[in-house]
Amino acid sequence: MNVDALLSNLVNGPVQPDLTSGLNASKDEAAGSLSSFSGMLENAMTSLNDQQVAADQGVQGLITGDTDNLHNVMIQTSEAQLSLEMALQLRNKGLEAYNEIKNMQF
């Protein structure tokens, strides 16, 4: 999954569910929606890790002389950097939302 698809998926959501069907949903369906979120999160983290590893291998190949294409290595490292920055911003926004909810008075 590339960065644009991941961002689009996070911003727009994969598919908007029918809100009225959620009222009568069973526990299995609720667990399925939770596993889909955890699956999406796991896929995003795996993609982020793969990009970081590819960038590291590209830089190592450039240093050892195995790779002579600096352009592709720079693209890989830039993609990995942008993916990491996006993940950090998403984490920061999640923490801000958690802290706001935590500080609410009932």
N, C-alpha and C. Protein backbone atom coordinates (compact mmCIF):
# COMPACT_ATOMS: atom_id res chain seq x y z
N MET A 1 0.86 -1.17 0.00
CA MET A 1 0.00 0.00 0.00
C MET A 1 0.90 1.23 0.00
N ASN A 2 0.65 2.15 -0.91
CA ASN A 2 1.48 3.34 -0.97
C ASN A 2 0.95 4.43 -0.04
N VAL A 3 1.69 5.48 0.08
CA VAL A 3 1.39 6.54 1.03
C VAL A 3 0.09 7.27 0.66
N ASP A 4 -0.11 7.51 -0.64
CA ASP A 4 -1.32 8.21 -1.07
C ASP A 4 -2.57 7.40 -0.75
N ALA A 5 -2.51 6.08 -0.99
CA ALA A 5 -3.67 5.23 -0.70
C ALA A 5 -3.92 5.18 0.80
N LEU A 6 -2.85 5.13 1.59
CA LEU A 6 -2.99 5.09 3.05
C LEU A 6 -3.61 6.39 3.57
N LEU A 7 -3.14 7.52 3.06
CA LEU A 7 -3.68 8.80 3.49
C LEU A 7 -5.14 8.93 3.08
N SER A 8 -5.45 8.53 1.85
CA SER A 8 -6.83 8.57 1.38
C SER A 8 -7.72 7.68 2.22
N ASN A 9 -7.21 6.51 2.60
CA ASN A 9 -7.97 5.58 3.42
C ASN A 9 -8.22 6.15 4.81
N LEU A 10 -7.23 6.83 5.37
CA LEU A 10 -7.38 7.40 6.70
C LEU A 10 -8.30 8.62 6.70
N VAL A 11 -8.21 9.44 5.65
CA VAL A 11 -9.02 10.65 5.59
C VAL A 11 -10.47 10.34 5.26
N ASN A 12 -10.69 9.55 4.21
CA ASN A 12 -12.04 9.29 3.73
C ASN A 12 -12.68 8.06 4.36
N GLY A 13 -11.87 7.18 4.89
CA GLY A 13 -12.39 5.93 5.41
C GLY A 13 -12.60 4.96 4.27
N PRO A 14 -12.49 3.67 4.53
CA PRO A 14 -12.61 2.71 3.45
C PRO A 14 -14.01 2.69 2.82
N VAL A 15 -15.04 2.54 3.62
CA VAL A 15 -16.42 2.55 3.16
C VAL A 15 -17.26 3.08 4.30
N GLN A 16 -18.17 3.98 4.00
CA GLN A 16 -19.03 4.51 5.04
C GLN A 16 -20.09 3.48 5.39
N PRO A 17 -20.14 3.00 6.63
CA PRO A 17 -21.12 1.99 7.00
C PRO A 17 -22.51 2.59 7.17
N ASP A 18 -23.51 1.74 7.10
CA ASP A 18 -24.89 2.14 7.34
C ASP A 18 -25.06 2.30 8.84
N LEU A 19 -25.39 3.50 9.28
CA LEU A 19 -25.45 3.78 10.72
C LEU A 19 -26.62 3.08 11.39
N THR A 20 -27.69 2.83 10.67
CA THR A 20 -28.84 2.18 11.30
C THR A 20 -28.59 0.70 11.52
N SER A 21 -27.76 0.08 10.70
CA SER A 21 -27.49 -1.34 10.91
C SER A 21 -26.58 -1.55 12.11
N GLY A 22 -25.83 -0.54 12.50
CA GLY A 22 -24.94 -0.66 13.65
C GLY A 22 -25.69 -0.75 14.96
N LEU A 23 -26.93 -0.28 14.98
CA LEU A 23 -27.71 -0.34 16.21
C LEU A 23 -28.09 -1.77 16.57
N ASN A 24 -28.28 -2.61 15.58
CA ASN A 24 -28.68 -3.99 15.81
C ASN A 24 -27.53 -4.96 15.58
N ALA A 25 -26.30 -4.47 15.55
CA ALA A 25 -25.16 -5.32 15.27
C ALA A 25 -24.86 -6.24 16.44
N SER A 26 -24.42 -7.43 16.11
CA SER A 26 -24.06 -8.38 17.15
C SER A 26 -22.63 -8.12 17.62
N LYS A 27 -22.22 -8.84 18.65
CA LYS A 27 -20.87 -8.66 19.18
C LYS A 27 -19.83 -9.12 18.17
N ASP A 28 -20.15 -10.14 17.35
CA ASP A 28 -19.22 -10.61 16.34
C ASP A 28 -18.96 -9.54 15.29
N GLU A 29 -20.02 -8.85 14.89
CA GLU A 29 -19.84 -7.79 13.90
C GLU A 29 -19.04 -6.63 14.48
N ALA A 30 -19.26 -6.33 15.74
CA ALA A 30 -18.49 -5.26 16.39
C ALA A 30 -17.02 -5.66 16.49
N ALA A 31 -16.76 -6.92 16.81
CA ALA A 31 -15.38 -7.39 16.87
C ALA A 31 -14.75 -7.37 15.49
N GLY A 32 -15.53 -7.64 14.44
CA GLY A 32 -15.02 -7.59 13.08
C GLY A 32 -14.59 -6.19 12.68
N SER A 33 -15.36 -5.18 13.11
CA SER A 33 -14.97 -3.82 12.78
C SER A 33 -13.72 -3.41 13.53
N LEU A 34 -13.55 -3.91 14.75
CA LEU A 34 -12.33 -3.62 15.49
C LEU A 34 -11.13 -4.30 14.85
N SER A 35 -11.31 -5.53 14.39
CA SER A 35 -10.19 -6.22 13.77
C SER A 35 -9.83 -5.57 12.44
N SER A 36 -10.80 -4.98 11.75
CA SER A 36 -10.46 -4.31 10.49
C SER A 36 -9.63 -3.05 10.77
N PHE A 37 -9.93 -2.34 11.85
CA PHE A 37 -9.12 -1.18 12.20
C PHE A 37 -7.72 -1.62 12.60
N SER A 38 -7.63 -2.67 13.40
CA SER A 38 -6.31 -3.14 13.80
C SER A 38 -5.55 -3.70 12.59
N GLY A 39 -6.27 -4.32 11.66
CA GLY A 39 -5.63 -4.80 10.44
C GLY A 39 -5.11 -3.66 9.60
N MET A 40 -5.90 -2.59 9.49
CA MET A 40 -5.46 -1.42 8.73
C MET A 40 -4.23 -0.79 9.40
N LEU A 41 -4.26 -0.71 10.72
CA LEU A 41 -3.12 -0.15 11.44
C LEU A 41 -1.89 -1.03 11.28
N GLU A 42 -2.08 -2.34 11.35
CA GLU A 42 -0.96 -3.26 11.19
C GLU A 42 -0.38 -3.15 9.77
N ASN A 43 -1.24 -3.06 8.77
CA ASN A 43 -0.76 -2.91 7.39
C ASN A 43 0.01 -1.61 7.21
N ALA A 44 -0.47 -0.55 7.82
CA ALA A 44 0.22 0.74 7.72
C ALA A 44 1.59 0.68 8.36
N MET A 45 1.68 0.05 9.53
CA MET A 45 2.97 -0.05 10.20
C MET A 45 3.93 -0.97 9.44
N THR A 46 3.40 -2.02 8.85
CA THR A 46 4.23 -2.92 8.05
C THR A 46 4.75 -2.19 6.82
N SER A 47 3.89 -1.41 6.18
CA SER A 47 4.31 -0.64 5.02
C SER A 47 5.38 0.39 5.40
N LEU A 48 5.19 1.04 6.53
CA LEU A 48 6.18 2.01 7.01
C LEU A 48 7.51 1.33 7.27
N ASN A 49 7.48 0.18 7.91
CA ASN A 49 8.70 -0.57 8.19
C ASN A 49 9.38 -1.01 6.90
N ASP A 50 8.61 -1.49 5.93
CA ASP A 50 9.18 -1.92 4.65
C ASP A 50 9.85 -0.76 3.93
N GLN A 51 9.25 0.42 3.99
CA GLN A 51 9.86 1.58 3.34
C GLN A 51 11.15 1.98 4.03
N GLN A 52 11.18 1.90 5.37
CA GLN A 52 12.40 2.24 6.10
C GLN A 52 13.51 1.24 5.77
N VAL A 53 13.18 -0.05 5.71
CA VAL A 53 14.17 -1.08 5.41
C VAL A 53 14.70 -0.90 3.99
N ALA A 54 13.80 -0.63 3.03
CA ALA A 54 14.23 -0.44 1.64
C ALA A 54 15.15 0.76 1.52
N ALA A 55 14.83 1.84 2.24
CA ALA A 55 15.69 3.03 2.20
C ALA A 55 17.06 2.72 2.81
N ASP A 56 17.07 2.00 3.92
CA ASP A 56 18.35 1.63 4.55
C ASP A 56 19.19 0.75 3.63
N GLN A 57 18.54 -0.22 2.98
CA GLN A 57 19.27 -1.10 2.07
C GLN A 57 19.79 -0.33 0.86
N GLY A 58 19.01 0.63 0.38
CA GLY A 58 19.47 1.46 -0.73
C GLY A 58 20.70 2.27 -0.37
N VAL A 59 20.68 2.85 0.82
CA VAL A 59 21.84 3.65 1.27
C VAL A 59 23.05 2.74 1.47
N GLN A 60 22.84 1.57 2.05
CA GLN A 60 23.95 0.63 2.22
C GLN A 60 24.51 0.19 0.87
N GLY A 61 23.62 -0.06 -0.08
CA GLY A 61 24.07 -0.43 -1.41
C GLY A 61 24.85 0.68 -2.08
N LEU A 62 24.45 1.90 -1.84
CA LEU A 62 25.16 3.05 -2.41
C LEU A 62 26.54 3.19 -1.78
N ILE A 63 26.63 2.96 -0.48
CA ILE A 63 27.91 3.08 0.22
C ILE A 63 28.87 1.97 -0.21
N THR A 64 28.35 0.74 -0.32
CA THR A 64 29.22 -0.38 -0.68
C THR A 64 29.52 -0.44 -2.17
N GLY A 65 28.78 0.30 -2.99
CA GLY A 65 29.04 0.31 -4.42
C GLY A 65 28.16 -0.66 -5.19
N ASP A 66 27.26 -1.36 -4.51
CA ASP A 66 26.37 -2.29 -5.20
C ASP A 66 25.35 -1.56 -6.07
N THR A 67 24.95 -0.37 -5.64
CA THR A 67 23.98 0.43 -6.37
C THR A 67 24.66 1.70 -6.84
N ASP A 68 24.44 2.05 -8.10
CA ASP A 68 25.04 3.28 -8.61
C ASP A 68 23.98 4.31 -8.98
N ASN A 69 22.72 4.04 -8.66
CA ASN A 69 21.62 4.94 -9.02
C ASN A 69 21.23 5.77 -7.80
N LEU A 70 21.85 6.91 -7.67
CA LEU A 70 21.59 7.81 -6.54
C LEU A 70 20.16 8.33 -6.56
N HIS A 71 19.61 8.52 -7.74
CA HIS A 71 18.26 9.07 -7.89
C HIS A 71 17.23 8.17 -7.20
N ASN A 72 17.28 6.87 -7.46
CA ASN A 72 16.32 5.95 -6.84
C ASN A 72 16.49 5.87 -5.33
N VAL A 73 17.72 5.92 -4.87
CA VAL A 73 17.98 5.87 -3.43
C VAL A 73 17.43 7.12 -2.75
N MET A 74 17.58 8.27 -3.38
CA MET A 74 17.05 9.51 -2.81
C MET A 74 15.52 9.49 -2.78
N ILE A 75 14.90 8.92 -3.81
CA ILE A 75 13.44 8.80 -3.82
C ILE A 75 12.98 7.89 -2.71
N GLN A 76 13.66 6.75 -2.53
CA GLN A 76 13.30 5.82 -1.45
C GLN A 76 13.43 6.47 -0.08
N THR A 77 14.52 7.18 0.14
CA THR A 77 14.71 7.80 1.45
C THR A 77 13.70 8.92 1.68
N SER A 78 13.36 9.67 0.63
CA SER A 78 12.35 10.73 0.78
C SER A 78 10.97 10.15 1.09
N GLU A 79 10.60 9.06 0.40
CA GLU A 79 9.32 8.40 0.68
C GLU A 79 9.28 7.87 2.11
N ALA A 80 10.37 7.27 2.55
CA ALA A 80 10.43 6.74 3.91
C ALA A 80 10.34 7.86 4.94
N GLN A 81 11.00 8.99 4.67
CA GLN A 81 10.95 10.13 5.59
C GLN A 81 9.54 10.70 5.68
N LEU A 82 8.88 10.87 4.53
CA LEU A 82 7.52 11.41 4.52
C LEU A 82 6.54 10.47 5.21
N SER A 83 6.71 9.17 5.01
CA SER A 83 5.84 8.20 5.67
C SER A 83 6.01 8.25 7.18
N LEU A 84 7.24 8.36 7.62
CA LEU A 84 7.50 8.44 9.06
C LEU A 84 6.92 9.73 9.65
N GLU A 85 7.08 10.84 8.94
CA GLU A 85 6.53 12.11 9.43
C GLU A 85 5.00 12.05 9.51
N MET A 86 4.36 11.40 8.53
CA MET A 86 2.91 11.27 8.55
C MET A 86 2.47 10.40 9.73
N ALA A 87 3.20 9.31 9.96
CA ALA A 87 2.86 8.43 11.09
C ALA A 87 3.01 9.17 12.42
N LEU A 88 4.04 9.99 12.54
CA LEU A 88 4.24 10.75 13.76
C LEU A 88 3.14 11.78 13.96
N GLN A 89 2.70 12.43 12.89
CA GLN A 89 1.62 13.41 13.00
C GLN A 89 0.31 12.74 13.37
N LEU A 90 0.06 11.55 12.81
CA LEU A 90 -1.15 10.81 13.18
C LEU A 90 -1.11 10.40 14.65
N ARG A 91 0.07 9.98 15.11
CA ARG A 91 0.21 9.63 16.52
C ARG A 91 -0.03 10.84 17.40
N ASN A 92 0.54 11.99 17.01
CA ASN A 92 0.36 13.20 17.81
C ASN A 92 -1.10 13.61 17.88
N LYS A 93 -1.80 13.54 16.75
CA LYS A 93 -3.23 13.90 16.74
C LYS A 93 -4.03 12.93 17.59
N GLY A 94 -3.68 11.65 17.53
CA GLY A 94 -4.36 10.66 18.36
C GLY A 94 -4.15 10.92 19.84
N LEU A 95 -2.94 11.28 20.21
CA LEU A 95 -2.65 11.58 21.61
C LEU A 95 -3.37 12.85 22.07
N GLU A 96 -3.44 13.85 21.19
CA GLU A 96 -4.17 15.07 21.54
C GLU A 96 -5.65 14.76 21.77
N ALA A 97 -6.23 13.95 20.91
CA ALA A 97 -7.64 13.59 21.06
C ALA A 97 -7.85 12.79 22.34
N TYR A 98 -6.94 11.87 22.64
CA TYR A 98 -7.04 11.08 23.87
C TYR A 98 -6.97 11.99 25.09
N ASN A 99 -6.04 12.93 25.08
CA ASN A 99 -5.90 13.84 26.23
C ASN A 99 -7.12 14.74 26.40
N GLU A 100 -7.71 15.17 25.28
CA GLU A 100 -8.93 15.98 25.38
C GLU A 100 -10.07 15.17 25.99
N ILE A 101 -10.21 13.94 25.55
CA ILE A 101 -11.26 13.07 26.09
C ILE A 101 -11.00 12.79 27.57
N LYS A 102 -9.73 12.55 27.90
CA LYS A 102 -9.36 12.25 29.28
C LYS A 102 -9.66 13.43 30.19
N ASN A 103 -9.50 14.65 29.71
CA ASN A 103 -9.68 15.84 30.54
C ASN A 103 -11.13 16.34 30.57
N MET A 104 -12.02 15.66 29.87
CA MET A 104 -13.42 16.06 29.90
C MET A 104 -14.01 15.81 31.28
N GLN A 105 -14.88 16.72 31.70
CA GLN A 105 -15.53 16.53 32.98
C GLN A 105 -16.98 16.11 32.74
N PHE A 106 -17.39 15.10 33.45
CA PHE A 106 -18.74 14.57 33.28
C PHE A 106 -19.62 14.98 34.42
